[in-house]
C-alpha atoms as a PDB file:
ATOM      1  CA  MET A   1       0.000   0.000   0.000  1.00  0.00           C
ATOM      2  CA  THR A   2       1.160   3.517  -0.797  1.00  0.00           C
ATOM      3  CA  ILE A   3      -0.143   7.010   0.006  1.00  0.00           C
ATOM      4  CA  HIS A   4      -1.685   9.161  -2.727  1.00  0.00           C
ATOM      5  CA  ARG A   5       0.112  12.424  -3.503  1.00  0.00           C
ATOM      6  CA  GLU A   6      -3.108  14.362  -2.869  1.00  0.00           C
ATOM      7  CA  GLY A   7      -2.823  13.369   0.771  1.00  0.00           C
ATOM      8  CA  TYR A   8       0.682  14.641   1.559  1.00  0.00           C
ATOM      9  CA  LYS A   9      -0.389  18.139   2.592  1.00  0.00           C
ATOM     10  CA  THR A  10      -3.500  17.003   4.480  1.00  0.00           C
ATOM     11  CA  ILE A  11      -1.598  14.292   6.354  1.00  0.00           C
ATOM     12  CA  GLY A  12       1.200  16.735   7.191  1.00  0.00           C
ATOM     13  CA  ILE A  13      -1.226  19.304   8.630  1.00  0.00           C
ATOM     14  CA  THR A  14      -3.088  16.587  10.543  1.00  0.00           C
ATOM     15  CA  ALA A  15       0.178  15.259  11.994  1.00  0.00           C
ATOM     16  CA  LEU A  16       1.119  18.759  13.161  1.00  0.00           C
ATOM     17  CA  ILE A  17      -2.277  19.267  14.840  1.00  0.00           C
ATOM     18  CA  PHE A  18      -2.069  15.785  16.398  1.00  0.00           C
ATOM     19  CA  GLY A  19       1.376  16.505  17.816  1.00  0.00           C
ATOM     20  CA  LEU A  20       0.529  19.961  19.188  1.00  0.00           C
ATOM     21  CA  LEU A  21      -2.809  18.829  20.645  1.00  0.00           C
ATOM     22  CA  ASN A  22      -1.249  15.963  22.566  1.00  0.00           C
ATOM     23  CA  LEU A  23       1.757  18.009  23.655  1.00  0.00           C
ATOM     24  CA  VAL A  24      -0.583  20.533  25.273  1.00  0.00           C
ATOM     25  CA  SER A  25      -2.852  17.795  26.620  1.00  0.00           C
ATOM     26  CA  PHE A  26      -0.100  15.824  28.343  1.00  0.00           C
ATOM     27  CA  SER A  27       1.612  18.993  29.582  1.00  0.00           C
ATOM     28  CA  PHE A  28      -1.478  20.381  31.342  1.00  0.00           C
ATOM     29  CA  LEU A  29      -3.777  17.423  31.935  1.00  0.00           C
ATOM     30  CA  SER A  30      -1.707  14.298  32.543  1.00  0.00           C
ATOM     31  CA  ALA A  31      -0.831  15.225  36.124  1.00  0.00           C
ATOM     32  CA  HIS A  32      -4.337  16.174  37.217  1.00  0.00           C
ATOM     33  CA  ILE A  33      -6.754  14.432  34.805  1.00  0.00           C
ATOM     34  CA  PRO A  34      -4.719  11.586  33.263  1.00  0.00           C
ATOM     35  CA  TRP A  35      -7.766   9.756  31.897  1.00  0.00           C
ATOM     36  CA  LEU A  36      -8.743  12.809  29.829  1.00  0.00           C
ATOM     37  CA  ALA A  37      -5.239  13.137  28.397  1.00  0.00           C
ATOM     38  CA  ILE A  38      -5.313   9.456  27.432  1.00  0.00           C
ATOM     39  CA  LEU A  39      -8.784   9.822  25.892  1.00  0.00           C
ATOM     40  CA  ILE A  40      -7.654  12.802  23.812  1.00  0.00           C
ATOM     41  CA  PHE A  41      -4.635  10.816  22.628  1.00  0.00           C
ATOM     42  CA  VAL A  42      -6.683   7.757  21.639  1.00  0.00           C
ATOM     43  CA  VAL A  43      -9.367   9.758  19.803  1.00  0.00           C
ATOM     44  CA  SER A  44      -6.882  12.010  17.988  1.00  0.00           C
ATOM     45  CA  LEU A  45      -4.741   9.001  17.022  1.00  0.00           C
ATOM     46  CA  ALA A  46      -7.790   7.236  15.581  1.00  0.00           C
ATOM     47  CA  LEU A  47      -8.663  10.332  13.535  1.00  0.00           C
ATOM     48  CA  PHE A  48      -5.074  10.672  12.348  1.00  0.00           C
ATOM     49  CA  LEU A  49      -4.945   7.030  11.235  1.00  0.00           C
ATOM     50  CA  PHE A  50      -8.298   7.476   9.467  1.00  0.00           C
ATOM     51  CA  ILE A  51      -6.921  10.429   7.475  1.00  0.00           C
ATOM     52  CA  ILE A  52      -3.922   8.330   6.454  1.00  0.00           C
ATOM     53  CA  SER A  53      -6.130   5.398   5.418  1.00  0.00           C
ATOM     54  CA  PHE A  54      -8.346   7.689   3.335  1.00  0.00           C
ATOM     55  CA  PHE A  55      -5.441   8.462   1.007  1.00  0.00           C
ATOM     56  CA  ARG A  56      -4.277   4.866   0.704  1.00  0.00           C
ATOM     57  CA  ILE A  57      -3.590   3.188  -2.639  1.00  0.00           C
ATOM     58  CA  PRO A  58      -3.783  -0.587  -2.062  1.00  0.00           C
ATOM     59  CA  ASN A  59      -1.837  -2.989  -4.216  1.00  0.00           C
ATOM     60  CA  ARG A  60      -4.239  -4.997  -6.357  1.00  0.00           C
ATOM     61  CA  GLN A  61      -4.389  -6.998  -9.574  1.00  0.00           C
ATOM     62  CA  LEU A  62      -6.201  -4.779 -12.089  1.00  0.00           C
ATOM     63  CA  THR A  63      -8.600  -6.110 -14.740  1.00  0.00           C
ATOM     64  CA  ILE A  64      -7.364  -5.285 -18.246  1.00  0.00           C
ATOM     65  CA  ASN A  65      -9.685  -6.401 -21.045  1.00  0.00           C
ATOM     66  CA  GLU A  66     -10.599  -4.355 -24.129  1.00  0.00           C
ATOM     67  CA  ASN A  67     -14.000  -6.065 -24.306  1.00  0.00           C
ATOM     68  CA  GLN A  68     -14.970  -4.975 -20.813  1.00  0.00           C
ATOM     69  CA  VAL A  69     -15.598  -1.757 -18.884  1.00  0.00           C
ATOM     70  CA  VAL A  70     -14.254  -1.826 -15.326  1.00  0.00           C
ATOM     71  CA  CYS A  71     -15.503   0.102 -12.308  1.00  0.00           C
ATOM     72  CA  PRO A  72     -13.828   3.503 -11.993  1.00  0.00           C
ATOM     73  CA  ALA A  73     -14.106   3.575  -8.188  1.00  0.00           C
ATOM     74  CA  ASP A  74     -14.493   1.535  -5.029  1.00  0.00           C
ATOM     75  CA  GLY A  75     -17.894   1.614  -3.361  1.00  0.00           C
ATOM     76  CA  LYS A  76     -21.449   0.336  -3.730  1.00  0.00           C
ATOM     77  CA  VAL A  77     -23.660   0.346  -6.821  1.00  0.00           C
ATOM     78  CA  VAL A  78     -26.634   2.583  -6.006  1.00  0.00           C
ATOM     79  CA  VAL A  79     -28.168   3.238  -9.449  1.00  0.00           C
ATOM     80  CA  ILE A  80     -28.680   1.154 -12.603  1.00  0.00           C
ATOM     81  CA  GLU A  81     -31.183   2.795 -14.911  1.00  0.00           C
ATOM     82  CA  GLU A  82     -31.830   4.115 -18.397  1.00  0.00           C
ATOM     83  CA  VAL A  83     -31.537   7.903 -18.560  1.00  0.00           C
ATOM     84  CA  THR A  84     -31.369  10.670 -21.138  1.00  0.00           C
ATOM     85  CA  ASP A  85     -27.991  12.378 -20.951  1.00  0.00           C
ATOM     86  CA  PRO A  86     -28.441  16.173 -21.108  1.00  0.00           C
ATOM     87  CA  GLU A  87     -24.752  17.019 -21.068  1.00  0.00           C
ATOM     88  CA  TYR A  88     -22.969  15.376 -23.989  1.00  0.00           C
ATOM     89  CA  PHE A  89     -24.701  12.542 -25.836  1.00  0.00           C
ATOM     90  CA  LYS A  90     -28.214  14.060 -25.770  1.00  0.00           C
ATOM     91  CA  ASP A  91     -29.703  10.578 -26.080  1.00  0.00           C
ATOM     92  CA  LYS A  92     -30.571   7.572 -23.943  1.00  0.00           C
ATOM     93  CA  ARG A  93     -27.824   5.850 -21.967  1.00  0.00           C
ATOM     94  CA  ILE A  94     -27.512   3.282 -19.205  1.00  0.00           C
ATOM     95  CA  GLN A  95     -26.378   4.985 -16.024  1.00  0.00           C
ATOM     96  CA  VAL A  96     -24.499   3.024 -13.369  1.00  0.00           C
ATOM     97  CA  SER A  97     -23.648   4.973 -10.216  1.00  0.00           C
ATOM     98  CA  ILE A  98     -21.164   3.995  -7.516  1.00  0.00           C
ATOM     99  CA  PHE A  99     -21.386   5.592  -4.074  1.00  0.00           C
ATOM    100  CA  MET A 100     -18.046   6.049  -2.296  1.00  0.00           C
ATOM    101  CA  SER A 101     -18.164   6.345   1.496  1.00  0.00           C
ATOM    102  CA  PRO A 102     -15.339   8.093   3.384  1.00  0.00           C
ATOM    103  CA  ALA A 103     -13.986   4.637   4.274  1.00  0.00           C
ATOM    104  CA  ASN A 104     -13.541   3.592   0.618  1.00  0.00           C
ATOM    105  CA  VAL A 105     -10.402   3.929  -1.478  1.00  0.00           C
ATOM    106  CA  HIS A 106     -10.884   7.207  -3.367  1.00  0.00           C
ATOM    107  CA  VAL A 107      -8.548   6.754  -6.321  1.00  0.00           C
ATOM    108  CA  ASN A 108     -10.495   6.905  -9.619  1.00  0.00           C
ATOM    109  CA  ARG A 109      -9.383   4.705 -12.527  1.00  0.00           C
ATOM    110  CA  ASN A 110     -10.168   4.755 -16.251  1.00  0.00           C
ATOM    111  CA  PRO A 111     -12.961   2.256 -17.017  1.00  0.00           C
ATOM    112  CA  MET A 112     -11.563   1.588 -20.502  1.00  0.00           C
ATOM    113  CA  SER A 113      -8.756   2.574 -22.847  1.00  0.00           C
ATOM    114  CA  GLY A 114      -9.286   5.166 -25.546  1.00  0.00           C
ATOM    115  CA  GLU A 115      -9.072   8.856 -26.435  1.00  0.00           C
ATOM    116  CA  VAL A 116     -10.468  11.598 -24.224  1.00  0.00           C
ATOM    117  CA  ILE A 117     -12.867  13.549 -26.468  1.00  0.00           C
ATOM    118  CA  TYR A 118     -14.596  15.610 -23.762  1.00  0.00           C
ATOM    119  CA  ASN A 119     -13.435  16.993 -20.426  1.00  0.00           C
ATOM    120  CA  GLN A 120     -15.549  19.471 -18.483  1.00  0.00           C
ATOM    121  CA  TYR A 121     -15.635  20.721 -14.902  1.00  0.00           C
ATOM    122  CA  HIS A 122     -18.988  21.937 -13.527  1.00  0.00           C
ATOM    123  CA  ASN A 123     -19.328  24.061 -10.418  1.00  0.00           C
ATOM    124  CA  GLY A 124     -22.377  23.183  -8.332  1.00  0.00           C
ATOM    125  CA  LYS A 125     -24.032  22.222  -5.066  1.00  0.00           C
ATOM    126  CA  TYR A 126     -22.962  19.734  -2.406  1.00  0.00           C
ATOM    127  CA  LEU A 127     -26.051  17.565  -2.005  1.00  0.00           C
ATOM    128  CA  VAL A 128     -25.515  14.167  -0.405  1.00  0.00           C
ATOM    129  CA  ALA A 129     -23.970  11.891  -3.036  1.00  0.00           C
ATOM    130  CA  TRP A 130     -26.936   9.480  -3.157  1.00  0.00           C
ATOM    131  CA  HIS A 131     -29.420  12.266  -3.900  1.00  0.00           C
ATOM    132  CA  PRO A 132     -30.963  11.755  -7.398  1.00  0.00           C
ATOM    133  CA  LYS A 133     -30.181  15.365  -8.392  1.00  0.00           C
ATOM    134  CA  SER A 134     -26.503  15.137  -7.392  1.00  0.00           C
ATOM    135  CA  SER A 135     -25.671  13.871 -10.901  1.00  0.00           C
ATOM    136  CA  THR A 136     -26.780  17.129 -12.495  1.00  0.00           C
ATOM    137  CA  GLU A 137     -26.659  19.748  -9.727  1.00  0.00           C
ATOM    138  CA  ASN A 138     -23.566  18.945  -7.639  1.00  0.00           C
ATOM    139  CA  GLU A 139     -20.002  19.983  -8.347  1.00  0.00           C
ATOM    140  CA  ARG A 140     -18.786  17.410 -10.870  1.00  0.00           C
ATOM    141  CA  TRP A 141     -16.171  16.654 -13.502  1.00  0.00           C
ATOM    142  CA  SER A 142     -17.209  14.805 -16.666  1.00  0.00           C
ATOM    143  CA  VAL A 143     -14.946  12.881 -19.030  1.00  0.00           C
ATOM    144  CA  VAL A 144     -15.878  11.106 -22.269  1.00  0.00           C
ATOM    145  CA  VAL A 145     -13.555   8.430 -23.644  1.00  0.00           C
ATOM    146  CA  ASN A 146     -14.014   6.874 -27.070  1.00  0.00           C
ATOM    147  CA  ASN A 147     -12.604   3.724 -28.680  1.00  0.00           C
ATOM    148  CA  HIS A 148     -13.682   1.239 -31.355  1.00  0.00           C
ATOM    149  CA  HIS A 149     -16.496  -0.091 -29.119  1.00  0.00           C
ATOM    150  CA  GLY A 150     -18.033   3.349 -28.647  1.00  0.00           C
ATOM    151  CA  ALA A 151     -17.940   6.206 -26.168  1.00  0.00           C
ATOM    152  CA  ILE A 152     -18.721   6.300 -22.464  1.00  0.00           C
ATOM    153  CA  LEU A 153     -19.077   9.254 -20.105  1.00  0.00           C
ATOM    154  CA  TYR A 154     -17.952   9.029 -16.514  1.00  0.00           C
ATOM    155  CA  LYS A 155     -18.296  11.809 -14.003  1.00  0.00           C
ATOM    156  CA  GLN A 156     -16.815  12.443 -10.587  1.00  0.00           C
ATOM    157  CA  ILE A 157     -19.473  13.962  -8.328  1.00  0.00           C
ATOM    158  CA  ALA A 158     -18.765  15.791  -5.084  1.00  0.00           C
ATOM    159  CA  GLY A 159     -20.906  14.915  -2.067  1.00  0.00           C
ATOM    160  CA  ALA A 160     -21.808  16.691   1.152  1.00  0.00           C
ATOM    161  CA  LEU A 161     -18.287  16.176   2.520  1.00  0.00           C
ATOM    162  CA  ALA A 162     -16.283  16.176  -0.690  1.00  0.00           C
ATOM    163  CA  LYS A 163     -15.156  19.692  -1.526  1.00  0.00           C
ATOM    164  CA  ARG A 164     -12.418  18.987  -4.015  1.00  0.00           C
ATOM    165  CA  ILE A 165     -12.346  16.928  -7.194  1.00  0.00           C
ATOM    166  CA  CYS A 166      -8.977  16.181  -8.791  1.00  0.00           C
ATOM    167  CA  ASN A 167      -8.917  15.196 -12.467  1.00  0.00           C
ATOM    168  CA  TYR A 168      -5.759  14.507 -14.462  1.00  0.00           C
ATOM    169  CA  THR A 169      -7.156  14.065 -17.998  1.00  0.00           C
ATOM    170  CA  SER A 170      -7.366  16.427 -20.965  1.00  0.00           C
ATOM    171  CA  VAL A 171      -8.987  16.372 -24.406  1.00  0.00           C
ATOM    172  CA  GLY A 172      -6.886  14.465 -26.938  1.00  0.00           C
ATOM    173  CA  GLN A 173      -5.149  12.386 -24.287  1.00  0.00           C
ATOM    174  CA  GLN A 174      -4.845   8.628 -24.809  1.00  0.00           C
ATOM    175  CA  VAL A 175      -5.770   6.866 -21.576  1.00  0.00           C
ATOM    176  CA  LYS A 176      -5.302   3.256 -20.535  1.00  0.00           C
ATOM    177  CA  GLN A 177      -7.800   1.083 -18.735  1.00  0.00           C
ATOM    178  CA  GLY A 178      -7.033   0.858 -15.022  1.00  0.00           C
ATOM    179  CA  ASP A 179      -4.720   3.883 -14.923  1.00  0.00           C
ATOM    180  CA  GLU A 180      -5.494   6.554 -12.361  1.00  0.00           C
ATOM    181  CA  TYR A 181      -7.377   9.538 -13.763  1.00  0.00           C
ATOM    182  CA  GLY A 182      -8.531  11.372 -10.649  1.00  0.00           C
ATOM    183  CA  PHE A 183      -9.258  11.543  -6.935  1.00  0.00           C
ATOM    184  CA  ILE A 184     -12.166  12.874  -4.851  1.00  0.00           C
ATOM    185  CA  LYS A 185     -11.690  13.874  -1.222  1.00  0.00           C
ATOM    186  CA  PHE A 186     -13.988  12.610   1.544  1.00  0.00           C
ATOM    187  CA  GLY A 187     -17.071  10.818   0.278  1.00  0.00           C
ATOM    188  CA  SER A 188     -18.537  11.095  -3.204  1.00  0.00           C
ATOM    189  CA  ARG A 189     -19.985   9.319  -6.211  1.00  0.00           C
ATOM    190  CA  VAL A 190     -19.008   8.308  -9.740  1.00  0.00           C
ATOM    191  CA  ASP A 191     -21.558   7.919 -12.554  1.00  0.00           C
ATOM    192  CA  VAL A 192     -20.853   5.934 -15.716  1.00  0.00           C
ATOM    193  CA  LEU A 193     -23.049   6.444 -18.792  1.00  0.00           C
ATOM    194  CA  LEU A 194     -22.921   3.470 -21.144  1.00  0.00           C
ATOM    195  CA  PRO A 195     -24.369   2.930 -24.637  1.00  0.00           C
ATOM    196  CA  LEU A 196     -27.612   0.951 -24.644  1.00  0.00           C
ATOM    197  CA  HIS A 197     -25.901  -2.001 -26.332  1.00  0.00           C
ATOM    198  CA  ALA A 198     -23.489  -2.484 -23.418  1.00  0.00           C
ATOM    199  CA  LYS A 199     -24.266  -5.370 -21.051  1.00  0.00           C
ATOM    200  CA  VAL A 200     -24.225  -4.343 -17.388  1.00  0.00           C
ATOM    201  CA  GLU A 201     -22.371  -6.910 -15.269  1.00  0.00           C
ATOM    202  CA  VAL A 202     -23.043  -5.503 -11.780  1.00  0.00           C
ATOM    203  CA  GLN A 203     -26.145  -5.473  -9.593  1.00  0.00           C
ATOM    204  CA  LEU A 204     -27.737  -2.914  -7.288  1.00  0.00           C
ATOM    205  CA  ASN A 205     -26.079  -2.749  -3.842  1.00  0.00           C
ATOM    206  CA  GLN A 206     -23.103  -4.745  -5.063  1.00  0.00           C
ATOM    207  CA  VAL A 207     -19.789  -3.750  -3.491  1.00  0.00           C
ATOM    208  CA  VAL A 208     -17.217  -3.106  -6.212  1.00  0.00           C
ATOM    209  CA  LYS A 209     -13.509  -2.358  -6.497  1.00  0.00           C
ATOM    210  CA  GLY A 210     -12.101   0.293  -8.813  1.00  0.00           C
ATOM    211  CA  GLY A 211     -10.019  -1.100 -11.636  1.00  0.00           C
ATOM    212  CA  VAL A 212     -10.945  -4.673 -10.681  1.00  0.00           C
ATOM    213  CA  THR A 213     -14.703  -5.319 -10.821  1.00  0.00           C
ATOM    214  CA  VAL A 214     -16.170  -5.613 -14.330  1.00  0.00           C
ATOM    215  CA  LEU A 215     -18.902  -2.997 -14.690  1.00  0.00           C
ATOM    216  CA  ALA A 216     -20.071  -3.912 -18.200  1.00  0.00           C
ATOM    217  CA  SER A 217     -19.103  -5.830 -21.289  1.00  0.00           C
ATOM    218  CA  TRP A 218     -19.505  -5.040 -24.969  1.00  0.00           C
ATOM    219  CA  ASN A 219     -22.020  -7.118 -26.923  1.00  0.00           C
END
Protein backbone atom coordinates (compact mmCIF):
# COMPACT_ATOMS: atom_id res chain seq x y z
CA MET A 1 0.00 0.00 0.00
CA THR A 2 1.16 3.52 -0.80
CA ILE A 3 -0.14 7.01 0.01
CA HIS A 4 -1.68 9.16 -2.73
CA ARG A 5 0.11 12.42 -3.50
CA GLU A 6 -3.11 14.36 -2.87
CA GLY A 7 -2.82 13.37 0.77
CA TYR A 8 0.68 14.64 1.56
CA LYS A 9 -0.39 18.14 2.59
CA THR A 10 -3.50 17.00 4.48
CA ILE A 11 -1.60 14.29 6.35
CA GLY A 12 1.20 16.74 7.19
CA ILE A 13 -1.23 19.30 8.63
CA THR A 14 -3.09 16.59 10.54
CA ALA A 15 0.18 15.26 11.99
CA LEU A 16 1.12 18.76 13.16
CA ILE A 17 -2.28 19.27 14.84
CA PHE A 18 -2.07 15.78 16.40
CA GLY A 19 1.38 16.51 17.82
CA LEU A 20 0.53 19.96 19.19
CA LEU A 21 -2.81 18.83 20.64
CA ASN A 22 -1.25 15.96 22.57
CA LEU A 23 1.76 18.01 23.65
CA VAL A 24 -0.58 20.53 25.27
CA SER A 25 -2.85 17.80 26.62
CA PHE A 26 -0.10 15.82 28.34
CA SER A 27 1.61 18.99 29.58
CA PHE A 28 -1.48 20.38 31.34
CA LEU A 29 -3.78 17.42 31.94
CA SER A 30 -1.71 14.30 32.54
CA ALA A 31 -0.83 15.22 36.12
CA HIS A 32 -4.34 16.17 37.22
CA ILE A 33 -6.75 14.43 34.80
CA PRO A 34 -4.72 11.59 33.26
CA TRP A 35 -7.77 9.76 31.90
CA LEU A 36 -8.74 12.81 29.83
CA ALA A 37 -5.24 13.14 28.40
CA ILE A 38 -5.31 9.46 27.43
CA LEU A 39 -8.78 9.82 25.89
CA ILE A 40 -7.65 12.80 23.81
CA PHE A 41 -4.63 10.82 22.63
CA VAL A 42 -6.68 7.76 21.64
CA VAL A 43 -9.37 9.76 19.80
CA SER A 44 -6.88 12.01 17.99
CA LEU A 45 -4.74 9.00 17.02
CA ALA A 46 -7.79 7.24 15.58
CA LEU A 47 -8.66 10.33 13.53
CA PHE A 48 -5.07 10.67 12.35
CA LEU A 49 -4.95 7.03 11.23
CA PHE A 50 -8.30 7.48 9.47
CA ILE A 51 -6.92 10.43 7.47
CA ILE A 52 -3.92 8.33 6.45
CA SER A 53 -6.13 5.40 5.42
CA PHE A 54 -8.35 7.69 3.33
CA PHE A 55 -5.44 8.46 1.01
CA ARG A 56 -4.28 4.87 0.70
CA ILE A 57 -3.59 3.19 -2.64
CA PRO A 58 -3.78 -0.59 -2.06
CA ASN A 59 -1.84 -2.99 -4.22
CA ARG A 60 -4.24 -5.00 -6.36
CA GLN A 61 -4.39 -7.00 -9.57
CA LEU A 62 -6.20 -4.78 -12.09
CA THR A 63 -8.60 -6.11 -14.74
CA ILE A 64 -7.36 -5.28 -18.25
CA ASN A 65 -9.69 -6.40 -21.05
CA GLU A 66 -10.60 -4.36 -24.13
CA ASN A 67 -14.00 -6.07 -24.31
CA GLN A 68 -14.97 -4.97 -20.81
CA VAL A 69 -15.60 -1.76 -18.88
CA VAL A 70 -14.25 -1.83 -15.33
CA CYS A 71 -15.50 0.10 -12.31
CA PRO A 72 -13.83 3.50 -11.99
CA ALA A 73 -14.11 3.58 -8.19
CA ASP A 74 -14.49 1.53 -5.03
CA GLY A 75 -17.89 1.61 -3.36
CA LYS A 76 -21.45 0.34 -3.73
CA VAL A 77 -23.66 0.35 -6.82
CA VAL A 78 -26.63 2.58 -6.01
CA VAL A 79 -28.17 3.24 -9.45
CA ILE A 80 -28.68 1.15 -12.60
CA GLU A 81 -31.18 2.79 -14.91
CA GLU A 82 -31.83 4.11 -18.40
CA VAL A 83 -31.54 7.90 -18.56
CA THR A 84 -31.37 10.67 -21.14
CA ASP A 85 -27.99 12.38 -20.95
CA PRO A 86 -28.44 16.17 -21.11
CA GLU A 87 -24.75 17.02 -21.07
CA TYR A 88 -22.97 15.38 -23.99
CA PHE A 89 -24.70 12.54 -25.84
CA LYS A 90 -28.21 14.06 -25.77
CA ASP A 91 -29.70 10.58 -26.08
CA LYS A 92 -30.57 7.57 -23.94
CA ARG A 93 -27.82 5.85 -21.97
CA ILE A 94 -27.51 3.28 -19.21
CA GLN A 95 -26.38 4.99 -16.02
CA VAL A 96 -24.50 3.02 -13.37
CA SER A 97 -23.65 4.97 -10.22
CA ILE A 98 -21.16 4.00 -7.52
CA PHE A 99 -21.39 5.59 -4.07
CA MET A 100 -18.05 6.05 -2.30
CA SER A 101 -18.16 6.35 1.50
CA PRO A 102 -15.34 8.09 3.38
CA ALA A 103 -13.99 4.64 4.27
CA ASN A 104 -13.54 3.59 0.62
CA VAL A 105 -10.40 3.93 -1.48
CA HIS A 106 -10.88 7.21 -3.37
CA VAL A 107 -8.55 6.75 -6.32
CA ASN A 108 -10.50 6.91 -9.62
CA ARG A 109 -9.38 4.70 -12.53
CA ASN A 110 -10.17 4.76 -16.25
CA PRO A 111 -12.96 2.26 -17.02
CA MET A 112 -11.56 1.59 -20.50
CA SER A 113 -8.76 2.57 -22.85
CA GLY A 114 -9.29 5.17 -25.55
CA GLU A 115 -9.07 8.86 -26.44
CA VAL A 116 -10.47 11.60 -24.22
CA ILE A 117 -12.87 13.55 -26.47
CA TYR A 118 -14.60 15.61 -23.76
CA ASN A 119 -13.43 16.99 -20.43
CA GLN A 120 -15.55 19.47 -18.48
CA TYR A 121 -15.64 20.72 -14.90
CA HIS A 122 -18.99 21.94 -13.53
CA ASN A 123 -19.33 24.06 -10.42
CA GLY A 124 -22.38 23.18 -8.33
CA LYS A 125 -24.03 22.22 -5.07
CA TYR A 126 -22.96 19.73 -2.41
CA LEU A 127 -26.05 17.56 -2.01
CA VAL A 128 -25.51 14.17 -0.40
CA ALA A 129 -23.97 11.89 -3.04
CA TRP A 130 -26.94 9.48 -3.16
CA HIS A 131 -29.42 12.27 -3.90
CA PRO A 132 -30.96 11.75 -7.40
CA LYS A 133 -30.18 15.37 -8.39
CA SER A 134 -26.50 15.14 -7.39
CA SER A 135 -25.67 13.87 -10.90
CA THR A 136 -26.78 17.13 -12.50
CA GLU A 137 -26.66 19.75 -9.73
CA ASN A 138 -23.57 18.95 -7.64
CA GLU A 139 -20.00 19.98 -8.35
CA ARG A 140 -18.79 17.41 -10.87
CA TRP A 141 -16.17 16.65 -13.50
CA SER A 142 -17.21 14.80 -16.67
CA VAL A 143 -14.95 12.88 -19.03
CA VAL A 144 -15.88 11.11 -22.27
CA VAL A 145 -13.55 8.43 -23.64
CA ASN A 146 -14.01 6.87 -27.07
CA ASN A 147 -12.60 3.72 -28.68
CA HIS A 148 -13.68 1.24 -31.35
CA HIS A 149 -16.50 -0.09 -29.12
CA GLY A 150 -18.03 3.35 -28.65
CA ALA A 151 -17.94 6.21 -26.17
CA ILE A 152 -18.72 6.30 -22.46
CA LEU A 153 -19.08 9.25 -20.10
CA TYR A 154 -17.95 9.03 -16.51
CA LYS A 155 -18.30 11.81 -14.00
CA GLN A 156 -16.82 12.44 -10.59
CA ILE A 157 -19.47 13.96 -8.33
CA ALA A 158 -18.76 15.79 -5.08
CA GLY A 159 -20.91 14.92 -2.07
CA ALA A 160 -21.81 16.69 1.15
CA LEU A 161 -18.29 16.18 2.52
CA ALA A 162 -16.28 16.18 -0.69
CA LYS A 163 -15.16 19.69 -1.53
CA ARG A 164 -12.42 18.99 -4.01
CA ILE A 165 -12.35 16.93 -7.19
CA CYS A 166 -8.98 16.18 -8.79
CA ASN A 167 -8.92 15.20 -12.47
CA TYR A 168 -5.76 14.51 -14.46
CA THR A 169 -7.16 14.06 -18.00
CA SER A 170 -7.37 16.43 -20.97
CA VAL A 171 -8.99 16.37 -24.41
CA GLY A 172 -6.89 14.47 -26.94
CA GLN A 173 -5.15 12.39 -24.29
CA GLN A 174 -4.85 8.63 -24.81
CA VAL A 175 -5.77 6.87 -21.58
CA LYS A 176 -5.30 3.26 -20.53
CA GLN A 177 -7.80 1.08 -18.73
CA GLY A 178 -7.03 0.86 -15.02
CA ASP A 179 -4.72 3.88 -14.92
CA GLU A 180 -5.49 6.55 -12.36
CA TYR A 181 -7.38 9.54 -13.76
CA GLY A 182 -8.53 11.37 -10.65
CA PHE A 183 -9.26 11.54 -6.93
CA ILE A 184 -12.17 12.87 -4.85
CA LYS A 185 -11.69 13.87 -1.22
CA PHE A 186 -13.99 12.61 1.54
CA GLY A 187 -17.07 10.82 0.28
CA SER A 188 -18.54 11.10 -3.20
CA ARG A 189 -19.98 9.32 -6.21
CA VAL A 190 -19.01 8.31 -9.74
CA ASP A 191 -21.56 7.92 -12.55
CA VAL A 192 -20.85 5.93 -15.72
CA LEU A 193 -23.05 6.44 -18.79
CA LEU A 194 -22.92 3.47 -21.14
CA PRO A 195 -24.37 2.93 -24.64
CA LEU A 196 -27.61 0.95 -24.64
CA HIS A 197 -25.90 -2.00 -26.33
CA ALA A 198 -23.49 -2.48 -23.42
CA LYS A 199 -24.27 -5.37 -21.05
CA VAL A 200 -24.22 -4.34 -17.39
CA GLU A 201 -22.37 -6.91 -15.27
CA VAL A 202 -23.04 -5.50 -11.78
CA GLN A 203 -26.14 -5.47 -9.59
CA LEU A 204 -27.74 -2.91 -7.29
CA ASN A 205 -26.08 -2.75 -3.84
CA GLN A 206 -23.10 -4.75 -5.06
CA VAL A 207 -19.79 -3.75 -3.49
CA VAL A 208 -17.22 -3.11 -6.21
CA LYS A 209 -13.51 -2.36 -6.50
CA GLY A 210 -12.10 0.29 -8.81
CA GLY A 211 -10.02 -1.10 -11.64
CA VAL A 212 -10.94 -4.67 -10.68
CA THR A 213 -14.70 -5.32 -10.82
CA VAL A 214 -16.17 -5.61 -14.33
CA LEU A 215 -18.90 -3.00 -14.69
CA ALA A 216 -20.07 -3.91 -18.20
CA SER A 217 -19.10 -5.83 -21.29
CA TRP A 218 -19.51 -5.04 -24.97
CA ASN A 219 -22.02 -7.12 -26.92
